[in-house]
Amino acid sequence: MASGKDDSPQQKDDSAEKNADIDEQSSDDAASDEVGTEETPNEPVDKPEPVDPGETLFYEPGGSWWVVAIGPVLIIATLVMEILGKGRIHWEVLTIFGVVLIGFSILQVFAARQHVSVTLTETTLTQGAETVALADIVKIFPENHGNETYEWESARALGELPAVPRRRRGIGVRLKSGKLAQAWARDVDRLRAELTEAHLAVKMGLPPKGRS
């Protein structure tokens, strides 16, 4: 007589299948741990080279700080008139009026310098807060001497303002994107001459002055 019962074929198959599942799960866990601990090498990031703007060819500040002096001059004139007069000096009114007038003048000049300034270098044109590379300008349109209105005269103005600022005139340009725009300045004739020359130099591939 046999001392024990032999395992049935079905039991052997079930046992082998369980062992295979355990081995497979252990292999998956090991592979997962290996992937999780694997360090990814830091890839070098290509930093864009700084653009050399070159020399400044044209500059309009947009606003002059001498405007701020109007407030103190008016206050002093009013104060002198009150001192020479027979009435009392209204210090409170003069102080409030001076603070308001001077503060408004400072804000006005600051805003003008921020949004209506023009800077042309050998490679860039800055209008207000927007800077355009001269390489992105495809064409500069000639001045309109006739009565006909050209399409570029209704194009958007460069910068963040919706139209060409007051007391400025526009210069039609076509950008590389195909859109029309207007560069602008108070001394528009000088800006056109400097812009045309600098744009031609960029198209010819000439480097800014001082660079070989």
C-alpha atoms as a PDB file:
ATOM      1  CA  MET A   1       0.000   0.000   0.000  1.00  0.00           C
ATOM      2  CA  ALA A   2       1.198   3.491  -0.777  1.00  0.00           C
ATOM      3  CA  SER A   3       1.870   5.691   2.197  1.00  0.00           C
ATOM      4  CA  GLY A   4       0.223   8.773   0.598  1.00  0.00           C
ATOM      5  CA  LYS A   5      -1.971   9.749  -2.294  1.00  0.00           C
ATOM      6  CA  ASP A   6      -0.335  11.056  -5.483  1.00  0.00           C
ATOM      7  CA  ASP A   7      -1.401  14.520  -6.604  1.00  0.00           C
ATOM      8  CA  SER A   8      -3.915  14.463  -9.398  1.00  0.00           C
ATOM      9  CA  PRO A   9      -2.957  15.958 -12.820  1.00  0.00           C
ATOM     10  CA  GLN A  10      -5.433  18.804 -12.292  1.00  0.00           C
ATOM     11  CA  GLN A  11      -3.795  19.805  -8.995  1.00  0.00           C
ATOM     12  CA  LYS A  12      -0.339  19.749 -10.611  1.00  0.00           C
ATOM     13  CA  ASP A  13      -1.507  22.000 -13.414  1.00  0.00           C
ATOM     14  CA  ASP A  14      -3.066  24.489 -10.959  1.00  0.00           C
ATOM     15  CA  SER A  15       0.105  24.567  -8.882  1.00  0.00           C
ATOM     16  CA  ALA A  16       2.296  25.161 -11.938  1.00  0.00           C
ATOM     17  CA  GLU A  17       0.002  27.948 -13.154  1.00  0.00           C
ATOM     18  CA  LYS A  18       0.135  29.713  -9.761  1.00  0.00           C
ATOM     19  CA  ASN A  19       3.936  29.508  -9.713  1.00  0.00           C
ATOM     20  CA  ALA A  20       4.076  30.962 -13.210  1.00  0.00           C
ATOM     21  CA  ASP A  21       1.829  33.891 -12.197  1.00  0.00           C
ATOM     22  CA  ILE A  22       4.018  34.603  -9.163  1.00  0.00           C
ATOM     23  CA  ASP A  23       7.187  34.558 -11.270  1.00  0.00           C
ATOM     24  CA  GLU A  24       5.609  36.862 -13.882  1.00  0.00           C
ATOM     25  CA  GLN A  25       4.438  39.344 -11.225  1.00  0.00           C
ATOM     26  CA  SER A  26       7.912  39.376  -9.657  1.00  0.00           C
ATOM     27  CA  SER A  27       9.479  40.076 -13.044  1.00  0.00           C
ATOM     28  CA  ASP A  28       7.042  42.976 -13.683  1.00  0.00           C
ATOM     29  CA  ASP A  29       7.779  44.495 -10.244  1.00  0.00           C
ATOM     30  CA  ALA A  30      11.512  44.249 -10.831  1.00  0.00           C
ATOM     31  CA  ALA A  31      11.196  45.891 -14.244  1.00  0.00           C
ATOM     32  CA  SER A  32       8.992  48.641 -12.771  1.00  0.00           C
ATOM     33  CA  ASP A  33      11.544  49.343 -10.030  1.00  0.00           C
ATOM     34  CA  GLU A  34      14.323  49.443 -12.581  1.00  0.00           C
ATOM     35  CA  VAL A  35      12.449  51.950 -14.744  1.00  0.00           C
ATOM     36  CA  GLY A  36      11.526  54.088 -11.734  1.00  0.00           C
ATOM     37  CA  THR A  37      15.097  54.321 -10.461  1.00  0.00           C
ATOM     38  CA  GLU A  38      16.642  54.947 -13.860  1.00  0.00           C
ATOM     39  CA  GLU A  39      17.947  58.505 -14.069  1.00  0.00           C
ATOM     40  CA  THR A  40      17.282  60.527 -17.155  1.00  0.00           C
ATOM     41  CA  PRO A  41      20.362  62.466 -18.247  1.00  0.00           C
ATOM     42  CA  ASN A  42      19.934  66.217 -18.332  1.00  0.00           C
ATOM     43  CA  GLU A  43      19.866  67.299 -21.951  1.00  0.00           C
ATOM     44  CA  PRO A  44      21.572  70.601 -22.686  1.00  0.00           C
ATOM     45  CA  VAL A  45      19.137  73.419 -23.461  1.00  0.00           C
ATOM     46  CA  ASP A  46      20.083  75.627 -26.355  1.00  0.00           C
ATOM     47  CA  LYS A  47      19.819  79.237 -25.249  1.00  0.00           C
ATOM     48  CA  PRO A  48      19.100  81.783 -27.986  1.00  0.00           C
ATOM     49  CA  GLU A  49      22.008  84.045 -28.720  1.00  0.00           C
ATOM     50  CA  PRO A  50      21.424  87.663 -27.675  1.00  0.00           C
ATOM     51  CA  VAL A  51      20.681  89.933 -30.591  1.00  0.00           C
ATOM     52  CA  ASP A  52      23.126  92.787 -31.081  1.00  0.00           C
ATOM     53  CA  PRO A  53      20.964  95.851 -31.788  1.00  0.00           C
ATOM     54  CA  GLY A  54      23.967  97.880 -32.925  1.00  0.00           C
ATOM     55  CA  GLU A  55      24.050 101.650 -32.765  1.00  0.00           C
ATOM     56  CA  THR A  56      20.979 103.803 -32.190  1.00  0.00           C
ATOM     57  CA  LEU A  57      20.150 105.559 -35.447  1.00  0.00           C
ATOM     58  CA  PHE A  58      16.982 107.400 -34.452  1.00  0.00           C
ATOM     59  CA  TYR A  59      15.294 108.190 -31.142  1.00  0.00           C
ATOM     60  CA  GLU A  60      12.182 110.086 -30.096  1.00  0.00           C
ATOM     61  CA  PRO A  61      11.353 109.962 -26.377  1.00  0.00           C
ATOM     62  CA  GLY A  62       7.646 110.565 -26.869  1.00  0.00           C
ATOM     63  CA  GLY A  63       7.438 113.067 -24.016  1.00  0.00           C
ATOM     64  CA  SER A  64       9.706 115.697 -22.439  1.00  0.00           C
ATOM     65  CA  TRP A  65      10.188 116.082 -18.713  1.00  0.00           C
ATOM     66  CA  TRP A  66      10.118 119.867 -19.004  1.00  0.00           C
ATOM     67  CA  VAL A  67       6.304 119.551 -19.042  1.00  0.00           C
ATOM     68  CA  VAL A  68       6.492 118.673 -15.344  1.00  0.00           C
ATOM     69  CA  ALA A  69       7.944 122.150 -14.678  1.00  0.00           C
ATOM     70  CA  ILE A  70       4.682 123.789 -15.781  1.00  0.00           C
ATOM     71  CA  GLY A  71       3.042 122.899 -12.463  1.00  0.00           C
ATOM     72  CA  PRO A  72       5.635 124.502 -10.181  1.00  0.00           C
ATOM     73  CA  VAL A  73       5.792 127.603 -12.403  1.00  0.00           C
ATOM     74  CA  LEU A  74       2.027 128.096 -12.140  1.00  0.00           C
ATOM     75  CA  ILE A  75       2.092 127.543  -8.390  1.00  0.00           C
ATOM     76  CA  ILE A  76       4.899 130.054  -7.912  1.00  0.00           C
ATOM     77  CA  ALA A  77       3.117 132.627 -10.080  1.00  0.00           C
ATOM     78  CA  THR A  78      -0.103 132.205  -8.109  1.00  0.00           C
ATOM     79  CA  LEU A  79       1.777 132.406  -4.819  1.00  0.00           C
ATOM     80  CA  VAL A  80       3.481 135.656  -5.847  1.00  0.00           C
ATOM     81  CA  MET A  81       0.119 137.145  -6.830  1.00  0.00           C
ATOM     82  CA  GLU A  82      -1.368 136.243  -3.452  1.00  0.00           C
ATOM     83  CA  ILE A  83       1.642 137.627  -1.570  1.00  0.00           C
ATOM     84  CA  LEU A  84       1.384 140.940  -3.434  1.00  0.00           C
ATOM     85  CA  GLY A  85      -2.351 141.045  -2.929  1.00  0.00           C
ATOM     86  CA  LYS A  86      -4.220 142.125   0.182  1.00  0.00           C
ATOM     87  CA  GLY A  87      -5.890 138.813   0.902  1.00  0.00           C
ATOM     88  CA  ARG A  88      -4.489 135.853   2.791  1.00  0.00           C
ATOM     89  CA  ILE A  89      -2.395 133.150   1.169  1.00  0.00           C
ATOM     90  CA  HIS A  90      -4.376 129.967   0.506  1.00  0.00           C
ATOM     91  CA  TRP A  91      -1.662 127.448   1.326  1.00  0.00           C
ATOM     92  CA  GLU A  92      -4.009 124.462   1.435  1.00  0.00           C
ATOM     93  CA  VAL A  93      -5.490 125.158  -1.983  1.00  0.00           C
ATOM     94  CA  LEU A  94      -2.077 125.832  -3.541  1.00  0.00           C
ATOM     95  CA  THR A  95      -0.655 122.621  -2.069  1.00  0.00           C
ATOM     96  CA  ILE A  96      -3.502 120.443  -3.324  1.00  0.00           C
ATOM     97  CA  PHE A  97      -3.476 122.117  -6.726  1.00  0.00           C
ATOM     98  CA  GLY A  98       0.311 121.688  -6.997  1.00  0.00           C
ATOM     99  CA  VAL A  99       0.251 118.002  -6.067  1.00  0.00           C
ATOM    100  CA  VAL A 100      -2.532 117.230  -8.536  1.00  0.00           C
ATOM    101  CA  LEU A 101      -0.968 119.213 -11.376  1.00  0.00           C
ATOM    102  CA  ILE A 102       2.550 117.885 -10.893  1.00  0.00           C
ATOM    103  CA  GLY A 103       1.345 114.312 -10.416  1.00  0.00           C
ATOM    104  CA  PHE A 104      -0.761 114.452 -13.573  1.00  0.00           C
ATOM    105  CA  SER A 105       2.178 115.869 -15.544  1.00  0.00           C
ATOM    106  CA  ILE A 106       4.491 113.094 -14.351  1.00  0.00           C
ATOM    107  CA  LEU A 107       1.971 110.397 -15.304  1.00  0.00           C
ATOM    108  CA  GLN A 108       1.430 111.994 -18.709  1.00  0.00           C
ATOM    109  CA  VAL A 109       5.134 112.148 -19.519  1.00  0.00           C
ATOM    110  CA  PHE A 110       5.731 108.621 -18.236  1.00  0.00           C
ATOM    111  CA  ALA A 111       2.887 107.233 -20.356  1.00  0.00           C
ATOM    112  CA  ALA A 112       4.121 109.106 -23.432  1.00  0.00           C
ATOM    113  CA  ARG A 113       7.635 107.727 -22.994  1.00  0.00           C
ATOM    114  CA  GLN A 114       6.221 104.260 -22.503  1.00  0.00           C
ATOM    115  CA  HIS A 115       3.786 104.160 -25.436  1.00  0.00           C
ATOM    116  CA  VAL A 116       4.831 106.868 -27.915  1.00  0.00           C
ATOM    117  CA  SER A 117       8.627 106.563 -27.932  1.00  0.00           C
ATOM    118  CA  VAL A 118      10.522 105.485 -31.056  1.00  0.00           C
ATOM    119  CA  THR A 119      13.934 103.829 -31.147  1.00  0.00           C
ATOM    120  CA  LEU A 120      15.602 102.645 -34.348  1.00  0.00           C
ATOM    121  CA  THR A 121      18.827 100.671 -34.136  1.00  0.00           C
ATOM    122  CA  GLU A 122      20.794  98.929 -36.866  1.00  0.00           C
ATOM    123  CA  THR A 123      18.752  95.733 -36.429  1.00  0.00           C
ATOM    124  CA  THR A 124      15.526  96.613 -34.588  1.00  0.00           C
ATOM    125  CA  LEU A 125      12.679  99.128 -34.606  1.00  0.00           C
ATOM    126  CA  THR A 126      10.920  99.800 -31.299  1.00  0.00           C
ATOM    127  CA  GLN A 127       7.572 101.587 -31.367  1.00  0.00           C
ATOM    128  CA  GLY A 128       6.177 102.050 -27.889  1.00  0.00           C
ATOM    129  CA  ALA A 129       6.371  98.650 -26.204  1.00  0.00           C
ATOM    130  CA  GLU A 130       6.703  96.621 -29.436  1.00  0.00           C
ATOM    131  CA  THR A 131      10.063  95.759 -30.974  1.00  0.00           C
ATOM    132  CA  VAL A 132      10.277  94.510 -34.561  1.00  0.00           C
ATOM    133  CA  ALA A 133      13.413  93.050 -36.082  1.00  0.00           C
ATOM    134  CA  LEU A 134      14.338  94.766 -39.339  1.00  0.00           C
ATOM    135  CA  ALA A 135      14.825  91.301 -40.818  1.00  0.00           C
ATOM    136  CA  ASP A 136      11.067  90.740 -40.330  1.00  0.00           C
ATOM    137  CA  ILE A 137      10.251  93.735 -42.553  1.00  0.00           C
ATOM    138  CA  VAL A 138       9.883  92.686 -46.188  1.00  0.00           C
ATOM    139  CA  LYS A 139       9.081  96.047 -47.802  1.00  0.00           C
ATOM    140  CA  ILE A 140       9.002  99.738 -46.938  1.00  0.00           C
ATOM    141  CA  PHE A 141       6.404 101.595 -49.006  1.00  0.00           C
ATOM    142  CA  PRO A 142       7.216 105.013 -50.482  1.00  0.00           C
ATOM    143  CA  GLU A 143       5.526 108.149 -49.219  1.00  0.00           C
ATOM    144  CA  ASN A 144       2.108 108.901 -50.674  1.00  0.00           C
ATOM    145  CA  HIS A 145       2.298 112.207 -52.565  1.00  0.00           C
ATOM    146  CA  GLY A 146      -0.984 111.776 -54.419  1.00  0.00           C
ATOM    147  CA  ASN A 147      -4.660 111.986 -53.588  1.00  0.00           C
ATOM    148  CA  GLU A 148      -5.216 108.242 -53.763  1.00  0.00           C
ATOM    149  CA  THR A 149      -5.355 106.369 -50.422  1.00  0.00           C
ATOM    150  CA  TYR A 150      -3.145 103.304 -50.271  1.00  0.00           C
ATOM    151  CA  GLU A 151      -3.959 100.144 -48.356  1.00  0.00           C
ATOM    152  CA  TRP A 152      -1.102 100.515 -45.880  1.00  0.00           C
ATOM    153  CA  GLU A 153      -2.516 103.866 -44.712  1.00  0.00           C
ATOM    154  CA  SER A 154      -5.391 102.037 -43.007  1.00  0.00           C
ATOM    155  CA  ALA A 155      -3.178  99.283 -41.549  1.00  0.00           C
ATOM    156  CA  ARG A 156      -2.565  98.921 -37.839  1.00  0.00           C
ATOM    157  CA  ALA A 157       0.151 100.991 -36.194  1.00  0.00           C
ATOM    158  CA  LEU A 158       3.168  99.250 -34.730  1.00  0.00           C
ATOM    159  CA  GLY A 159       3.046  99.306 -30.956  1.00  0.00           C
ATOM    160  CA  GLU A 160       0.119  98.807 -28.604  1.00  0.00           C
ATOM    161  CA  LEU A 161      -1.900 101.867 -29.669  1.00  0.00           C
ATOM    162  CA  PRO A 162      -4.853 101.301 -32.032  1.00  0.00           C
ATOM    163  CA  ALA A 163      -3.712 103.958 -34.524  1.00  0.00           C
ATOM    164  CA  VAL A 164      -0.826 106.265 -35.343  1.00  0.00           C
ATOM    165  CA  PRO A 165      -0.437 108.645 -32.371  1.00  0.00           C
ATOM    166  CA  ARG A 166      -1.368 112.287 -32.702  1.00  0.00           C
ATOM    167  CA  ARG A 167       1.138 114.629 -34.293  1.00  0.00           C
ATOM    168  CA  ARG A 168       2.868 111.623 -35.876  1.00  0.00           C
ATOM    169  CA  ARG A 169       2.786 110.313 -39.414  1.00  0.00           C
ATOM    170  CA  GLY A 170       2.976 106.752 -40.643  1.00  0.00           C
ATOM    171  CA  ILE A 171       5.356 104.795 -42.861  1.00  0.00           C
ATOM    172  CA  GLY A 172       3.858 101.772 -44.592  1.00  0.00           C
ATOM    173  CA  VAL A 173       5.686  98.469 -44.138  1.00  0.00           C
ATOM    174  CA  ARG A 174       4.934  94.860 -45.049  1.00  0.00           C
ATOM    175  CA  LEU A 175       6.007  92.288 -42.493  1.00  0.00           C
ATOM    176  CA  LYS A 176       7.338  88.802 -43.149  1.00  0.00           C
ATOM    177  CA  SER A 177       3.970  87.423 -42.017  1.00  0.00           C
ATOM    178  CA  GLY A 178       2.359  89.186 -45.005  1.00  0.00           C
ATOM    179  CA  LYS A 179       0.518  91.750 -42.866  1.00  0.00           C
ATOM    180  CA  LEU A 180       0.661  95.486 -43.467  1.00  0.00           C
ATOM    181  CA  ALA A 181       1.573  97.878 -40.660  1.00  0.00           C
ATOM    182  CA  GLN A 182       2.611 101.464 -40.087  1.00  0.00           C
ATOM    183  CA  ALA A 183       5.806 102.625 -38.487  1.00  0.00           C
ATOM    184  CA  TRP A 184       5.422 106.172 -37.184  1.00  0.00           C
ATOM    185  CA  ALA A 185       7.309 109.144 -35.808  1.00  0.00           C
ATOM    186  CA  ARG A 186       7.041 112.863 -35.346  1.00  0.00           C
ATOM    187  CA  ASP A 187      10.067 113.424 -37.604  1.00  0.00           C
ATOM    188  CA  VAL A 188       8.822 110.867 -40.105  1.00  0.00           C
ATOM    189  CA  ASP A 189      11.129 111.979 -42.941  1.00  0.00           C
ATOM    190  CA  ARG A 190      14.254 111.301 -40.936  1.00  0.00           C
ATOM    191  CA  LEU A 191      12.882 107.992 -39.650  1.00  0.00           C
ATOM    192  CA  ARG A 192      12.067 106.911 -43.208  1.00  0.00           C
ATOM    193  CA  ALA A 193      15.596 107.702 -44.388  1.00  0.00           C
ATOM    194  CA  GLU A 194      17.290 105.941 -41.472  1.00  0.00           C
ATOM    195  CA  LEU A 195      14.908 102.978 -41.599  1.00  0.00           C
ATOM    196  CA  THR A 196      15.370 102.487 -45.340  1.00  0.00           C
ATOM    197  CA  GLU A 197      19.155 102.542 -45.034  1.00  0.00           C
ATOM    198  CA  ALA A 198      19.253 100.203 -42.024  1.00  0.00           C
ATOM    199  CA  HIS A 199      16.772  97.807 -43.654  1.00  0.00           C
ATOM    200  CA  LEU A 200      18.895  97.650 -46.793  1.00  0.00           C
ATOM    201  CA  ALA A 201      22.000  96.887 -44.725  1.00  0.00           C
ATOM    202  CA  VAL A 202      20.200  94.023 -42.959  1.00  0.00           C
ATOM    203  CA  LYS A 203      19.001  92.579 -46.291  1.00  0.00           C
ATOM    204  CA  MET A 204      22.570  92.688 -47.579  1.00  0.00           C
ATOM    205  CA  GLY A 205      23.746  90.818 -44.489  1.00  0.00           C
ATOM    206  CA  LEU A 206      25.969  93.614 -43.222  1.00  0.00           C
ATOM    207  CA  PRO A 207      26.755  93.321 -39.467  1.00  0.00           C
ATOM    208  CA  PRO A 208      26.161  96.201 -37.082  1.00  0.00           C
ATOM    209  CA  LYS A 209      28.936  98.755 -36.842  1.00  0.00           C
ATOM    210  CA  GLY A 210      31.730  97.732 -34.532  1.00  0.00           C
ATOM    211  CA  ARG A 211      31.300  94.033 -35.361  1.00  0.00           C
ATOM    212  CA  SER A 212      33.467  92.265 -37.841  1.00  0.00           C
END
